[in-house]
Amino acid sequence: RNIGGTNHYHVLLEQELADLHGKEAALLFNSGYMSNWASLGTL
């Protein structure tokens, strides 16, 4: 996402997902495994 990999579809999808769950923001990962591993590990 940092090196040329943020596409407009990513932005639209994150907005749609935030709305789906009634949250301020969303963040995409390339798998559900990675979203759990990276998010829980970081927090």
Full PDB file with SEQRES, HELIX, SHEET, SSBOND, CRYST1, ORIGX, SCALE, CONECT and MASTER records, all heavy atoms in Angstrom:
SEQRES   1 A   43  ARG ASN ILE GLY GLY THR ASN HIS TYR HIS VAL LEU LEU          
SEQRES   2 A   43  GLU GLN GLU LEU ALA ASP LEU HIS GLY LYS GLU ALA ALA          
SEQRES   3 A   43  LEU LEU PHE ASN SER GLY TYR MET SER ASN TRP ALA SER          
SEQRES   4 A   43  LEU GLY THR LEU                                              
HELIX    1 AA1 HIS A    8  HIS A   21  1                                  14    
HELIX    2 AA2 GLY A   32  THR A   42  1                                  11    
CRYST1    1.000    1.000    1.000  90.00  90.00  90.00 P 1           1          
ORIGX1      1.000000  0.000000  0.000000        0.00000                         
ORIGX2      0.000000  1.000000  0.000000        0.00000                         
ORIGX3      0.000000  0.000000  1.000000        0.00000                         
SCALE1      1.000000  0.000000  0.000000        0.00000                         
SCALE2      0.000000  1.000000  0.000000        0.00000                         
SCALE3      0.000000  0.000000  1.000000        0.00000                         
ATOM      1  N   ARG A   1       0.828  -1.209   0.000  1.00  0.00           N  
ATOM      2  CA  ARG A   1       0.000   0.000   0.000  1.00  0.00           C  
ATOM      3  C   ARG A   1       0.862   1.259   0.000  1.00  0.00           C  
ATOM      4  O   ARG A   1       0.482   2.290  -0.555  1.00  0.00           O  
ATOM      5  CB  ARG A   1      -0.925   0.008   1.228  1.00  0.00           C  
ATOM      6  CG  ARG A   1      -2.024  -1.025   1.202  1.00  0.00           C  
ATOM      7  CD  ARG A   1      -3.135  -0.672   0.237  1.00  0.00           C  
ATOM      8  NE  ARG A   1      -3.902   0.473   0.648  1.00  0.00           N  
ATOM      9  CZ  ARG A   1      -4.969   0.435   1.442  1.00  0.00           C  
ATOM     10  NH1 ARG A   1      -5.396  -0.722   1.928  1.00  0.00           N  
ATOM     11  NH2 ARG A   1      -5.627   1.535   1.751  1.00  0.00           N  
ATOM     12  N   ASN A   2       2.047   1.181   0.601  1.00  0.00           N  
ATOM     13  CA  ASN A   2       2.931   2.330   0.677  1.00  0.00           C  
ATOM     14  C   ASN A   2       3.660   2.568  -0.650  1.00  0.00           C  
ATOM     15  O   ASN A   2       3.836   3.708  -1.077  1.00  0.00           O  
ATOM     16  CB  ASN A   2       3.955   2.129   1.804  1.00  0.00           C  
ATOM     17  CG  ASN A   2       4.862   3.328   1.978  1.00  0.00           C  
ATOM     18  OD1 ASN A   2       4.393   4.451   2.098  1.00  0.00           O  
ATOM     19  ND2 ASN A   2       6.168   3.089   1.986  1.00  0.00           N  
ATOM     20  N   ILE A   3       4.066   1.477  -1.311  1.00  0.00           N  
ATOM     21  CA  ILE A   3       4.872   1.607  -2.527  1.00  0.00           C  
ATOM     22  C   ILE A   3       3.982   1.386  -3.742  1.00  0.00           C  
ATOM     23  O   ILE A   3       3.990   0.335  -4.370  1.00  0.00           O  
ATOM     24  CB  ILE A   3       6.056   0.626  -2.513  1.00  0.00           C  
ATOM     25  CG1 ILE A   3       6.900   0.824  -1.254  1.00  0.00           C  
ATOM     26  CG2 ILE A   3       6.921   0.786  -3.762  1.00  0.00           C  
ATOM     27  CD1 ILE A   3       8.043  -0.137  -1.112  1.00  0.00           C  
ATOM     28  N   GLY A   4       3.187   2.344  -4.060  1.00  0.00           N  
ATOM     29  CA  GLY A   4       2.403   2.316  -5.287  1.00  0.00           C  
ATOM     30  C   GLY A   4       1.230   1.368  -5.289  1.00  0.00           C  
ATOM     31  O   GLY A   4       0.613   1.151  -6.332  1.00  0.00           O  
ATOM     32  N   GLY A   5       0.883   0.766  -4.135  1.00  0.00           N  
ATOM     33  CA  GLY A   5      -0.116  -0.293  -4.130  1.00  0.00           C  
ATOM     34  C   GLY A   5      -1.484   0.096  -3.633  1.00  0.00           C  
ATOM     35  O   GLY A   5      -2.350  -0.767  -3.491  1.00  0.00           O  
ATOM     36  N   THR A   6      -1.715   1.380  -3.335  1.00  0.00           N  
ATOM     37  CA  THR A   6      -3.052   1.795  -2.916  1.00  0.00           C  
ATOM     38  C   THR A   6      -3.854   2.172  -4.152  1.00  0.00           C  
ATOM     39  O   THR A   6      -3.533   3.124  -4.860  1.00  0.00           O  
ATOM     40  CB  THR A   6      -2.999   2.978  -1.929  1.00  0.00           C  
ATOM     41  OG1 THR A   6      -2.354   2.547  -0.727  1.00  0.00           O  
ATOM     42  CG2 THR A   6      -4.394   3.466  -1.601  1.00  0.00           C  
ATOM     43  N   ASN A   7      -4.891   1.392  -4.395  1.00  0.00           N  
ATOM     44  CA  ASN A   7      -5.757   1.606  -5.550  1.00  0.00           C  
ATOM     45  C   ASN A   7      -7.059   2.242  -5.077  1.00  0.00           C  
ATOM     46  O   ASN A   7      -7.472   2.056  -3.932  1.00  0.00           O  
ATOM     47  CB  ASN A   7      -6.028   0.253  -6.224  1.00  0.00           C  
ATOM     48  CG  ASN A   7      -6.772   0.382  -7.524  1.00  0.00           C  
ATOM     49  OD1 ASN A   7      -8.000   0.445  -7.540  1.00  0.00           O  
ATOM     50  ND2 ASN A   7      -6.034   0.426  -8.632  1.00  0.00           N  
ATOM     51  N   HIS A   8      -7.719   2.945  -5.960  1.00  0.00           N  
ATOM     52  CA  HIS A   8      -8.974   3.607  -5.582  1.00  0.00           C  
ATOM     53  C   HIS A   8     -10.006   2.599  -5.086  1.00  0.00           C  
ATOM     54  O   HIS A   8     -10.815   2.917  -4.203  1.00  0.00           O  
ATOM     55  CB  HIS A   8      -9.532   4.399  -6.765  1.00  0.00           C  
ATOM     56  CG  HIS A   8     -10.729   5.227  -6.413  1.00  0.00           C  
ATOM     57  ND1 HIS A   8     -10.730   6.145  -5.375  1.00  0.00           N  
ATOM     58  CD2 HIS A   8     -11.985   5.273  -6.954  1.00  0.00           C  
ATOM     59  CE1 HIS A   8     -11.922   6.722  -5.293  1.00  0.00           C  
ATOM     60  NE2 HIS A   8     -12.695   6.199  -6.232  1.00  0.00           N  
ATOM     61  N   TYR A   9      -9.972   1.380  -5.626  1.00  0.00           N  
ATOM     62  CA  TYR A   9     -10.900   0.354  -5.142  1.00  0.00           C  
ATOM     63  C   TYR A   9     -10.653   0.013  -3.672  1.00  0.00           C  
ATOM     64  O   TYR A   9     -11.589  -0.313  -2.932  1.00  0.00           O  
ATOM     65  CB  TYR A   9     -10.781  -0.913  -5.995  1.00  0.00           C  
ATOM     66  CG  TYR A   9     -11.351  -0.785  -7.375  1.00  0.00           C  
ATOM     67  CD1 TYR A   9     -10.526  -0.809  -8.498  1.00  0.00           C  
ATOM     68  CD2 TYR A   9     -12.725  -0.647  -7.582  1.00  0.00           C  
ATOM     69  CE1 TYR A   9     -11.043  -0.703  -9.773  1.00  0.00           C  
ATOM     70  CE2 TYR A   9     -13.253  -0.536  -8.862  1.00  0.00           C  
ATOM     71  CZ  TYR A   9     -12.409  -0.558  -9.952  1.00  0.00           C  
ATOM     72  OH  TYR A   9     -12.926  -0.450 -11.219  1.00  0.00           O  
ATOM     73  N   HIS A  10      -9.403   0.069  -3.233  1.00  0.00           N  
ATOM     74  CA  HIS A  10      -9.106  -0.160  -1.819  1.00  0.00           C  
ATOM     75  C   HIS A  10      -9.791   0.896  -0.952  1.00  0.00           C  
ATOM     76  O   HIS A  10     -10.376   0.577   0.088  1.00  0.00           O  
ATOM     77  CB  HIS A  10      -7.595  -0.117  -1.566  1.00  0.00           C  
ATOM     78  CG  HIS A  10      -6.829  -1.169  -2.284  1.00  0.00           C  
ATOM     79  ND1 HIS A  10      -5.597  -0.922  -2.860  1.00  0.00           N  
ATOM     80  CD2 HIS A  10      -7.100  -2.470  -2.552  1.00  0.00           C  
ATOM     81  CE1 HIS A  10      -5.143  -2.030  -3.417  1.00  0.00           C  
ATOM     82  NE2 HIS A  10      -6.040  -2.982  -3.254  1.00  0.00           N  
ATOM     83  N   VAL A  11      -9.694   2.131  -1.374  1.00  0.00           N  
ATOM     84  CA  VAL A  11     -10.294   3.233  -0.611  1.00  0.00           C  
ATOM     85  C   VAL A  11     -11.804   3.066  -0.542  1.00  0.00           C  
ATOM     86  O   VAL A  11     -12.416   3.185   0.538  1.00  0.00           O  
ATOM     87  CB  VAL A  11      -9.918   4.582  -1.250  1.00  0.00           C  
ATOM     88  CG1 VAL A  11     -10.601   5.738  -0.514  1.00  0.00           C  
ATOM     89  CG2 VAL A  11      -8.396   4.772  -1.253  1.00  0.00           C  
ATOM     90  N   LEU A  12     -12.420   2.768  -1.672  1.00  0.00           N  
ATOM     91  CA  LEU A  12     -13.876   2.595  -1.698  1.00  0.00           C  
ATOM     92  C   LEU A  12     -14.309   1.404  -0.840  1.00  0.00           C  
ATOM     93  O   LEU A  12     -15.315   1.477  -0.120  1.00  0.00           O  
ATOM     94  CB  LEU A  12     -14.352   2.391  -3.137  1.00  0.00           C  
ATOM     95  CG  LEU A  12     -14.198   3.573  -4.095  1.00  0.00           C  
ATOM     96  CD1 LEU A  12     -14.621   3.165  -5.499  1.00  0.00           C  
ATOM     97  CD2 LEU A  12     -15.005   4.771  -3.611  1.00  0.00           C  
ATOM     98  N   LEU A  13     -13.543   0.322  -0.902  1.00  0.00           N  
ATOM     99  CA  LEU A  13     -13.893  -0.873  -0.138  1.00  0.00           C  
ATOM    100  C   LEU A  13     -13.759  -0.626   1.358  1.00  0.00           C  
ATOM    101  O   LEU A  13     -14.621  -1.053   2.144  1.00  0.00           O  
ATOM    102  CB  LEU A  13     -13.020  -2.039  -0.585  1.00  0.00           C  
ATOM    103  CG  LEU A  13     -13.261  -3.394   0.085  1.00  0.00           C  
ATOM    104  CD1 LEU A  13     -14.726  -3.813   0.013  1.00  0.00           C  
ATOM    105  CD2 LEU A  13     -12.363  -4.468  -0.558  1.00  0.00           C  
ATOM    106  N   GLU A  14     -12.707   0.058   1.780  1.00  0.00           N  
ATOM    107  CA  GLU A  14     -12.559   0.366   3.201  1.00  0.00           C  
ATOM    108  C   GLU A  14     -13.690   1.257   3.693  1.00  0.00           C  
ATOM    109  O   GLU A  14     -14.206   1.060   4.812  1.00  0.00           O  
ATOM    110  CB  GLU A  14     -11.191   1.007   3.453  1.00  0.00           C  
ATOM    111  CG  GLU A  14     -10.051  -0.007   3.372  1.00  0.00           C  
ATOM    112  CD  GLU A  14      -8.673   0.597   3.494  1.00  0.00           C  
ATOM    113  OE1 GLU A  14      -8.521   1.815   3.276  1.00  0.00           O  
ATOM    114  OE2 GLU A  14      -7.719  -0.153   3.791  1.00  0.00           O  
ATOM    115  N   GLN A  15     -14.117   2.191   2.889  1.00  0.00           N  
ATOM    116  CA  GLN A  15     -15.257   3.027   3.270  1.00  0.00           C  
ATOM    117  C   GLN A  15     -16.527   2.188   3.410  1.00  0.00           C  
ATOM    118  O   GLN A  15     -17.312   2.367   4.345  1.00  0.00           O  
ATOM    119  CB  GLN A  15     -15.458   4.140   2.235  1.00  0.00           C  
ATOM    120  CG  GLN A  15     -14.348   5.181   2.212  1.00  0.00           C  
ATOM    121  CD  GLN A  15     -14.482   6.151   1.045  1.00  0.00           C  
ATOM    122  OE1 GLN A  15     -15.288   5.956   0.128  1.00  0.00           O  
ATOM    123  NE2 GLN A  15     -13.666   7.202   1.059  1.00  0.00           N  
ATOM    124  N   GLU A  16     -16.722   1.259   2.489  1.00  0.00           N  
ATOM    125  CA  GLU A  16     -17.921   0.414   2.508  1.00  0.00           C  
ATOM    126  C   GLU A  16     -17.932  -0.509   3.726  1.00  0.00           C  
ATOM    127  O   GLU A  16     -18.977  -0.738   4.343  1.00  0.00           O  
ATOM    128  CB  GLU A  16     -17.979  -0.411   1.223  1.00  0.00           C  
ATOM    129  CG  GLU A  16     -19.357  -0.914   0.849  1.00  0.00           C  
ATOM    130  CD  GLU A  16     -20.271   0.175   0.314  1.00  0.00           C  
ATOM    131  OE1 GLU A  16     -19.779   1.075  -0.388  1.00  0.00           O  
ATOM    132  OE2 GLU A  16     -21.482   0.109   0.606  1.00  0.00           O  
ATOM    133  N   LEU A  17     -16.767  -1.034   4.085  1.00  0.00           N  
ATOM    134  CA  LEU A  17     -16.670  -1.929   5.233  1.00  0.00           C  
ATOM    135  C   LEU A  17     -16.860  -1.174   6.548  1.00  0.00           C  
ATOM    136  O   LEU A  17     -17.503  -1.687   7.473  1.00  0.00           O  
ATOM    137  CB  LEU A  17     -15.323  -2.656   5.216  1.00  0.00           C  
ATOM    138  CG  LEU A  17     -15.158  -3.661   4.082  1.00  0.00           C  
ATOM    139  CD1 LEU A  17     -13.696  -4.098   3.958  1.00  0.00           C  
ATOM    140  CD2 LEU A  17     -16.058  -4.876   4.284  1.00  0.00           C  
ATOM    141  N   ALA A  18     -16.308   0.019   6.638  1.00  0.00           N  
ATOM    142  CA  ALA A  18     -16.531   0.839   7.838  1.00  0.00           C  
ATOM    143  C   ALA A  18     -18.022   1.101   8.015  1.00  0.00           C  
ATOM    144  O   ALA A  18     -18.566   0.993   9.123  1.00  0.00           O  
ATOM    145  CB  ALA A  18     -15.747   2.140   7.737  1.00  0.00           C  
ATOM    146  N   ASP A  19     -18.694   1.426   6.920  1.00  0.00           N  
ATOM    147  CA  ASP A  19     -20.138   1.660   6.979  1.00  0.00           C  
ATOM    148  C   ASP A  19     -20.890   0.397   7.362  1.00  0.00           C  
ATOM    149  O   ASP A  19     -21.863   0.440   8.133  1.00  0.00           O  
ATOM    150  CB  ASP A  19     -20.628   2.177   5.627  1.00  0.00           C  
ATOM    151  CG  ASP A  19     -22.140   2.311   5.577  1.00  0.00           C  
ATOM    152  OD1 ASP A  19     -22.669   3.291   6.132  1.00  0.00           O  
ATOM    153  OD2 ASP A  19     -22.799   1.423   4.993  1.00  0.00           O  
ATOM    154  N   LEU A  20     -20.470  -0.756   6.838  1.00  0.00           N  
ATOM    155  CA  LEU A  20     -21.136  -2.021   7.133  1.00  0.00           C  
ATOM    156  C   LEU A  20     -21.209  -2.276   8.633  1.00  0.00           C  
ATOM    157  O   LEU A  20     -22.221  -2.769   9.146  1.00  0.00           O  
ATOM    158  CB  LEU A  20     -20.399  -3.171   6.442  1.00  0.00           C  
ATOM    159  CG  LEU A  20     -20.905  -4.588   6.721  1.00  0.00           C  
ATOM    160  CD1 LEU A  20     -22.316  -4.782   6.172  1.00  0.00           C  
ATOM    161  CD2 LEU A  20     -19.953  -5.622   6.134  1.00  0.00           C  
ATOM    162  N   HIS A  21     -20.129  -1.935   9.341  1.00  0.00           N  
ATOM    163  CA  HIS A  21     -20.058  -2.222  10.775  1.00  0.00           C  
ATOM    164  C   HIS A  21     -20.299  -0.998  11.657  1.00  0.00           C  
ATOM    165  O   HIS A  21     -20.157  -1.088  12.885  1.00  0.00           O  
ATOM    166  CB  HIS A  21     -18.700  -2.848  11.100  1.00  0.00           C  
ATOM    167  CG  HIS A  21     -18.480  -4.181  10.454  1.00  0.00           C  
ATOM    168  ND1 HIS A  21     -19.188  -5.310  10.808  1.00  0.00           N  
ATOM    169  CD2 HIS A  21     -17.648  -4.562   9.443  1.00  0.00           C  
ATOM    170  CE1 HIS A  21     -18.785  -6.330  10.058  1.00  0.00           C  
ATOM    171  NE2 HIS A  21     -17.858  -5.908   9.227  1.00  0.00           N  
ATOM    172  N   GLY A  22     -20.638   0.129  11.042  1.00  0.00           N  
ATOM    173  CA  GLY A  22     -20.909   1.333  11.828  1.00  0.00           C  
ATOM    174  C   GLY A  22     -19.681   1.874  12.527  1.00  0.00           C  
ATOM    175  O   GLY A  22     -19.772   2.434  13.625  1.00  0.00           O  
ATOM    176  N   LYS A  23     -18.508   1.731  11.892  1.00  0.00           N  
ATOM    177  CA  LYS A  23     -17.255   2.202  12.479  1.00  0.00           C  
ATOM    178  C   LYS A  23     -16.704   3.381  11.679  1.00  0.00           C  
ATOM    179  O   LYS A  23     -17.116   3.652  10.559  1.00  0.00           O  
ATOM    180  CB  LYS A  23     -16.226   1.065  12.494  1.00  0.00           C  
ATOM    181  CG  LYS A  23     -16.643  -0.147  13.313  1.00  0.00           C  
ATOM    182  CD  LYS A  23     -16.829   0.195  14.780  1.00  0.00           C  
ATOM    183  CE  LYS A  23     -17.134  -1.033  15.617  1.00  0.00           C  
ATOM    184  NZ  LYS A  23     -17.423  -0.692  17.038  1.00  0.00           N  
ATOM    185  N   GLU A  24     -15.749   4.071  12.268  1.00  0.00           N  
ATOM    186  CA  GLU A  24     -15.154   5.231  11.610  1.00  0.00           C  
ATOM    187  C   GLU A  24     -14.268   4.839  10.437  1.00  0.00           C  
ATOM    188  O   GLU A  24     -14.161   5.584   9.459  1.00  0.00           O  
ATOM    189  CB  GLU A  24     -14.314   6.029  12.619  1.00  0.00           C  
ATOM    190  CG  GLU A  24     -15.119   6.709  13.701  1.00  0.00           C  
ATOM    191  CD  GLU A  24     -14.243   7.438  14.703  1.00  0.00           C  
ATOM    192  OE1 GLU A  24     -13.005   7.224  14.700  1.00  0.00           O  
ATOM    193  OE2 GLU A  24     -14.789   8.229  15.495  1.00  0.00           O  
ATOM    194  N   ALA A  25     -13.610   3.689  10.549  1.00  0.00           N  
ATOM    195  CA  ALA A  25     -12.597   3.344   9.543  1.00  0.00           C  
ATOM    196  C   ALA A  25     -12.486   1.834   9.403  1.00  0.00           C  
ATOM    197  O   ALA A  25     -12.981   1.059  10.231  1.00  0.00           O  
ATOM    198  CB  ALA A  25     -11.240   3.933   9.925  1.00  0.00           C  
ATOM    199  N   ALA A  26     -11.825   1.427   8.320  1.00  0.00           N  
ATOM    200  CA  ALA A  26     -11.507   0.018   8.072  1.00  0.00           C  
ATOM    201  C   ALA A  26     -10.110  -0.057   7.483  1.00  0.00           C  
ATOM    202  O   ALA A  26      -9.579   0.936   6.957  1.00  0.00           O  
ATOM    203  CB  ALA A  26     -12.523  -0.611   7.125  1.00  0.00           C  
ATOM    204  N   LEU A  27      -9.518  -1.232   7.565  1.00  0.00           N  
ATOM    205  CA  LEU A  27      -8.184  -1.453   7.011  1.00  0.00           C  
ATOM    206  C   LEU A  27      -8.156  -2.821   6.351  1.00  0.00           C  
ATOM    207  O   LEU A  27      -8.519  -3.830   6.963  1.00  0.00           O  
ATOM    208  CB  LEU A  27      -7.120  -1.382   8.113  1.00  0.00           C  
ATOM    209  CG  LEU A  27      -5.661  -1.387   7.655  1.00  0.00           C  
ATOM    210  CD1 LEU A  27      -5.334  -0.122   6.865  1.00  0.00           C  
ATOM    211  CD2 LEU A  27      -4.728  -1.519   8.865  1.00  0.00           C  
ATOM    212  N   LEU A  28      -7.730  -2.857   5.080  1.00  0.00           N  
ATOM    213  CA  LEU A  28      -7.698  -4.086   4.303  1.00  0.00           C  
ATOM    214  C   LEU A  28      -6.392  -4.852   4.492  1.00  0.00           C  
ATOM    215  O   LEU A  28      -5.316  -4.258   4.622  1.00  0.00           O  
ATOM    216  CB  LEU A  28      -7.835  -3.769   2.811  1.00  0.00           C  
ATOM    217  CG  LEU A  28      -9.196  -3.337   2.289  1.00  0.00           C  
ATOM    218  CD1 LEU A  28      -9.074  -2.953   0.824  1.00  0.00           C  
ATOM    219  CD2 LEU A  28     -10.213  -4.451   2.473  1.00  0.00           C  
ATOM    220  N   PHE A  29      -6.494  -6.159   4.457  1.00  0.00           N  
ATOM    221  CA  PHE A  29      -5.345  -7.059   4.432  1.00  0.00           C  
ATOM    222  C   PHE A  29      -5.572  -8.062   3.306  1.00  0.00           C  
ATOM    223  O   PHE A  29      -6.673  -8.165   2.765  1.00  0.00           O  
ATOM    224  CB  PHE A  29      -5.201  -7.798   5.763  1.00  0.00           C  
ATOM    225  CG  PHE A  29      -4.878  -6.909   6.930  1.00  0.00           C  
ATOM    226  CD1 PHE A  29      -5.877  -6.195   7.577  1.00  0.00           C  
ATOM    227  CD2 PHE A  29      -3.585  -6.784   7.387  1.00  0.00           C  
ATOM    228  CE1 PHE A  29      -5.595  -5.378   8.653  1.00  0.00           C  
ATOM    229  CE2 PHE A  29      -3.280  -5.960   8.470  1.00  0.00           C  
ATOM    230  CZ  PHE A  29      -4.286  -5.255   9.106  1.00  0.00           C  
ATOM    231  N   ASN A  30      -4.523  -8.819   2.960  1.00  0.00           N  
ATOM    232  CA  ASN A  30      -4.695  -9.754   1.848  1.00  0.00           C  
ATOM    233  C   ASN A  30      -5.282 -11.096   2.255  1.00  0.00           C  
ATOM    234  O   ASN A  30      -5.490 -11.967   1.413  1.00  0.00           O  
ATOM    235  CB  ASN A  30      -3.397  -9.950   1.053  1.00  0.00           C  
ATOM    236  CG  ASN A  30      -2.216 -10.253   1.928  1.00  0.00           C  
ATOM    237  OD1 ASN A  30      -2.375 -10.783   3.023  1.00  0.00           O  
ATOM    238  ND2 ASN A  30      -1.021  -9.916   1.457  1.00  0.00           N  
ATOM    239  N   SER A  31      -5.584 -11.295   3.537  1.00  0.00           N  
ATOM    240  CA  SER A  31      -6.322 -12.472   3.990  1.00  0.00           C  
ATOM    241  C   SER A  31      -6.847 -12.212   5.388  1.00  0.00           C  
ATOM    242  O   SER A  31      -6.348 -11.342   6.111  1.00  0.00           O  
ATOM    243  CB  SER A  31      -5.439 -13.731   4.001  1.00  0.00           C  
ATOM    244  OG  SER A  31      -4.494 -13.662   5.063  1.00  0.00           O  
ATOM    245  N   GLY A  32      -7.847 -13.000   5.788  1.00  0.00           N  
ATOM    246  CA  GLY A  32      -8.330 -12.915   7.157  1.00  0.00           C  
ATOM    247  C   GLY A  32      -7.297 -13.397   8.153  1.00  0.00           C  
ATOM    248  O   GLY A  32      -7.247 -12.916   9.286  1.00  0.00           O  
ATOM    249  N   TYR A  33      -6.479 -14.361   7.757  1.00  0.00           N  
ATOM    250  CA  TYR A  33      -5.393 -14.810   8.626  1.00  0.00           C  
ATOM    251  C   TYR A  33      -4.465 -13.644   8.934  1.00  0.00           C  
ATOM    252  O   TYR A  33      -4.094 -13.404  10.087  1.00  0.00           O  
ATOM    253  CB  TYR A  33      -4.616 -15.945   7.957  1.00  0.00           C  
ATOM    254  CG  TYR A  33      -3.636 -16.648   8.870  1.00  0.00           C  
ATOM    255  CD1 TYR A  33      -3.931 -17.894   9.392  1.00  0.00           C  
ATOM    256  CD2 TYR A  33      -2.415 -16.068   9.209  1.00  0.00           C  
ATOM    257  CE1 TYR A  33      -3.044 -18.564  10.237  1.00  0.00           C  
ATOM    258  CE2 TYR A  33      -1.522 -16.705  10.048  1.00  0.00           C  
ATOM    259  CZ  TYR A  33      -1.838 -17.951  10.559  1.00  0.00           C  
ATOM    260  OH  TYR A  33      -0.952 -18.582  11.407  1.00  0.00           O  
ATOM    261  N   MET A  34      -4.112 -12.898   7.889  1.00  0.00           N  
ATOM    262  CA  MET A  34      -3.188 -11.790   8.088  1.00  0.00           C  
ATOM    263  C   MET A  34      -3.820 -10.664   8.903  1.00  0.00           C  
ATOM    264  O   MET A  34      -3.142 -10.038   9.735  1.00  0.00           O  
ATOM    265  CB  MET A  34      -2.720 -11.251   6.732  1.00  0.00           C  
ATOM    266  CG  MET A  34      -1.682 -10.137   6.832  1.00  0.00           C  
ATOM    267  SD  MET A  34      -0.173 -10.637   7.704  1.00  0.00           S  
ATOM    268  CE  MET A  34       0.610 -11.642   6.455  1.00  0.00           C  
ATOM    269  N   SER A  35      -5.108 -10.397   8.701  1.00  0.00           N  
ATOM    270  CA  SER A  35      -5.727  -9.310   9.467  1.00  0.00           C  
ATOM    271  C   SER A  35      -5.742  -9.644  10.954  1.00  0.00           C  
ATOM    272  O   SER A  35      -5.508  -8.766  11.795  1.00  0.00           O  
ATOM    273  CB  SER A  35      -7.139  -9.007   8.956  1.00  0.00           C  
ATOM    274  OG  SER A  35      -7.948 -10.145   8.901  1.00  0.00           O  
ATOM    275  N   ASN A  36      -5.994 -10.896  11.308  1.00  0.00           N  
ATOM    276  CA  ASN A  36      -5.942 -11.293  12.720  1.00  0.00           C  
ATOM    277  C   ASN A  36      -4.516 -11.281  13.246  1.00  0.00           C  
ATOM    278  O   ASN A  36      -4.228 -10.719  14.311  1.00  0.00           O  
ATOM    279  CB  ASN A  36      -6.526 -12.703  12.891  1.00  0.00           C  
ATOM    280  CG  ASN A  36      -8.012 -12.700  13.137  1.00  0.00           C  
ATOM    281  OD1 ASN A  36      -8.578 -11.733  13.640  1.00  0.00           O  
ATOM    282  ND2 ASN A  36      -8.674 -13.795  12.788  1.00  0.00           N  
ATOM    283  N   TRP A  37      -3.624 -11.925  12.517  1.00  0.00           N  
ATOM    284  CA  TRP A  37      -2.234 -12.056  12.975  1.00  0.00           C  
ATOM    285  C   TRP A  37      -1.588 -10.685  13.169  1.00  0.00           C  
ATOM    286  O   TRP A  37      -0.979 -10.412  14.211  1.00  0.00           O  
ATOM    287  CB  TRP A  37      -1.446 -12.882  11.959  1.00  0.00           C  
ATOM    288  CG  TRP A  37      -0.005 -13.109  12.316  1.00  0.00           C  
ATOM    289  CD1 TRP A  37       0.493 -14.086  13.107  1.00  0.00           C  
ATOM    290  CD2 TRP A  37       1.112 -12.316  11.877  1.00  0.00           C  
ATOM    291  NE1 TRP A  37       1.869 -13.963  13.190  1.00  0.00           N  
ATOM    292  CE2 TRP A  37       2.263 -12.882  12.445  1.00  0.00           C  
ATOM    293  CE3 TRP A  37       1.243 -11.195  11.061  1.00  0.00           C  
ATOM    294  CZ2 TRP A  37       3.529 -12.366  12.225  1.00  0.00           C  
ATOM    295  CZ3 TRP A  37       2.509 -10.681  10.841  1.00  0.00           C  
ATOM    296  CH2 TRP A  37       3.638 -11.265  11.424  1.00  0.00           C  
ATOM    297  N   ALA A  38      -1.741  -9.818  12.169  1.00  0.00           N  
ATOM    298  CA  ALA A  38      -1.073  -8.520  12.231  1.00  0.00           C  
ATOM    299  C   ALA A  38      -1.728  -7.593  13.252  1.00  0.00           C  
ATOM    300  O   ALA A  38      -1.040  -6.889  14.007  1.00  0.00           O  
ATOM    301  CB  ALA A  38      -1.089  -7.866  10.848  1.00  0.00           C  
ATOM    302  N   SER A  39      -3.043  -7.583  13.294  1.00  0.00           N  
ATOM    303  CA  SER A  39      -3.735  -6.645  14.181  1.00  0.00           C  
ATOM    304  C   SER A  39      -3.581  -7.030  15.647  1.00  0.00           C  
ATOM    305  O   SER A  39      -3.219  -6.201  16.490  1.00  0.00           O  
ATOM    306  CB  SER A  39      -5.220  -6.574  13.809  1.00  0.00           C  
ATOM    307  OG  SER A  39      -5.386  -6.147  12.478  1.00  0.00           O  
ATOM    308  N   LEU A  40      -3.855  -8.299  15.971  1.00  0.00           N  
ATOM    309  CA  LEU A  40      -3.705  -8.731  17.358  1.00  0.00           C  
ATOM    310  C   LEU A  40      -2.249  -8.652  17.801  1.00  0.00           C  
ATOM    311  O   LEU A  40      -1.955  -8.227  18.932  1.00  0.00           O  
ATOM    312  CB  LEU A  40      -4.229 -10.156  17.526  1.00  0.00           C  
ATOM    313  CG  LEU A  40      -5.745 -10.308  17.563  1.00  0.00           C  
ATOM    314  CD1 LEU A  40      -6.140 -11.767  17.439  1.00  0.00           C  
ATOM    315  CD2 LEU A  40      -6.305  -9.717  18.853  1.00  0.00           C  
ATOM    316  N   GLY A  41      -1.341  -9.054  16.912  1.00  0.00           N  
ATOM    317  CA  GLY A  41       0.077  -8.994  17.265  1.00  0.00           C  
ATOM    318  C   GLY A  41       0.542  -7.579  17.534  1.00  0.00           C  
ATOM    319  O   GLY A  41       1.326  -7.335  18.469  1.00  0.00           O  
ATOM    320  N   THR A  42       0.064  -6.623  16.740  1.00  0.00           N  
ATOM    321  CA  THR A  42       0.479  -5.229  16.910  1.00  0.00           C  
ATOM    322  C   THR A  42      -0.134  -4.614  18.158  1.00  0.00           C  
ATOM    323  O   THR A  42       0.563  -3.990  18.975  1.00  0.00           O  
ATOM    324  CB  THR A  42       0.073  -4.413  15.669  1.00  0.00           C  
ATOM    325  OG1 THR A  42       0.729  -4.963  14.526  1.00  0.00           O  
ATOM    326  CG2 THR A  42       0.452  -2.954  15.825  1.00  0.00           C  
ATOM    327  N   LEU A  43      -1.427  -4.778  18.341  1.00  0.00           N  
ATOM    328  CA  LEU A  43      -2.094  -4.173  19.495  1.00  0.00           C  
ATOM    329  C   LEU A  43      -1.550  -4.748  20.805  1.00  0.00           C  
ATOM    330  O   LEU A  43      -1.229  -4.001  21.741  1.00  0.00           O  
ATOM    331  CB  LEU A  43      -3.602  -4.405  19.410  1.00  0.00           C  
ATOM    332  CG  LEU A  43      -4.330  -3.689  18.262  1.00  0.00           C  
ATOM    333  CD1 LEU A  43      -5.759  -4.198  18.138  1.00  0.00           C  
ATOM    334  CD2 LEU A  43      -4.310  -2.171  18.467  1.00  0.00           C  
TER     335      LEU A  43                                                      
MASTER        0    0    0    2    0    0    0    6  334    1    0    4          
END                                                                             
